[in-house]
Amino acid sequence: MGWRKRGRCHDSSSGVSTAVGLHTGKVISYATRNKMCRVCDEAEKKNKEAESHDCRKNHEGSSKSMEANVAVELFSSAPKSGVIYSTYVGDDDSVTENHLKTLVNYDIDKWSDVNHASRTLGTRLYMAKGKIKGLTPNVISYIQKSFTYCVNQNKGQPSSLLEGLTSIVPHAFGKHDNCSNSWCGYKKDPEGYKHGSLPGGKDLTGEDLQTTGLDRKSDILQISCIPPNAETKSFSVNLFPENRIIGQSATQVHGISVEFCKGRKTLLRRGKELEAVSQTQGLSDFCSFLKQQSRSFQVVLIAHNGEKFDFPVLINALRRNNLLELFLATGVVLVDSLKIVSTEMKQKGSPLYSCKSKSLSDVYEVLLKEKFDAHDAQEDATALSRILFQSPLQVSVERIQTHAVPAELFVKK
């Protein structure tokens, strides 16, 4: 849509929209929208009938609504000329897309314009800037450039595009396992590689940047509790998502997906079926487990980066399923192990002093000289238990307690 006025006020009184052929670059159709007619307005002021004129006023409502309105006209009128517009390339305005799907009597595919998509990404990142330490303008610019480059380099290759997009953030943090040899400079020169657009050419660091971008209102797929000693019972359950779709990028990380066969929903991990229950059932069983344990001792839930991610996700899920009060009644306290790890990394002589990353997998590898199957809840919980109680750290119960926060206070925060 072309507006008479520039800027972002969306108060232009008129605009014109054109349909341009993707391959020919020629204008196929056009339409205008006008909220005003000077002749009609003057007549109304003088309380008399307007003289005969070519009135172009054809829109009531906001200027912003012109775009969706005129798009419907262009697409609806196309069949009268013996054609349909099968695909349109536009910005990320969902209002226009929704109008076309609702009011046009044939199917239309929507393609996002790269420039608009990059701009939208930048806007969202700037909105999160105040909440995420380290998300500077330079970092945002780097992510936008990487996004645009990835899209342009993988036109017509959806699988390569997906791989490239999901590699952008790990690449920035110095993790190049999934990077492509065609664009990753580190794979060509591991010793001399420096990032071209990041401060000092160095890898990004900071747990906030890596994790707080994830949706804290996501469904929980796995819950696992592994005690530090064999005498205490453990707990593990798989949960079906309330939303039947699990994002491809999430599946790439943890390998979990949902399939439907003959009306039956199945939860899979890397192709292998998992026993699973509903969100409400799984969370209710978890609360019952905590209540049973609380009869014998104070229950402490420990999660790595729990304050920023695990605990908000859990509390939101409990709240959605009306189980938060049952959870709080157990008297559970919460501990973020990331704080302990961060302290150890700063102390000379600590087993973690040479560790460059706070991620669970990297800390585990430094302390125990081996790797584990990360991003599986049971494996993650087992690894965290070994890090704290069976590694050179040997964290005491007293030290754990100094970082404990009652769940009630966390909910209020």
Foldseek 3Di string as FASTA:
>chain_A
DAAPDDDDPQAGQKGKDFDADPPPRDTPDMDMEGQDDPQCVVCVVVVHDGDDDDDDHDDDDTSVVVVLVRLLVVQQCVVVVVDHAQEDEDAPPVSSVVSCVVRHDDHHHYHYDLVRVLVVQLVVLVVCPVVFPPSDPLVSVQLSVQLSVLCVVQVPPVVSSLLSNLCSLVVLQVRCPSPDPVPRPCVVPVVPQFQPRDVVSDRDADPRVVPLVDDLQFQDAKAWADDLDPVDDIDIAGEQGPPQADDPSLCVQQQWHWDADPNDIFIDRVRHTDDHYHLLVRLVVVLVSLLVVLVPHAAEAEDACCLSHVLSSSCSSCVVNVNNVSNLVSFYWYFHCLVVLVVQCVDPPRLNVPQDHSDLQSLLCSFVVDGWSPNDNHGSNVSVSCSACVTPNNHDPVNRVVRIGGSVVSVVD
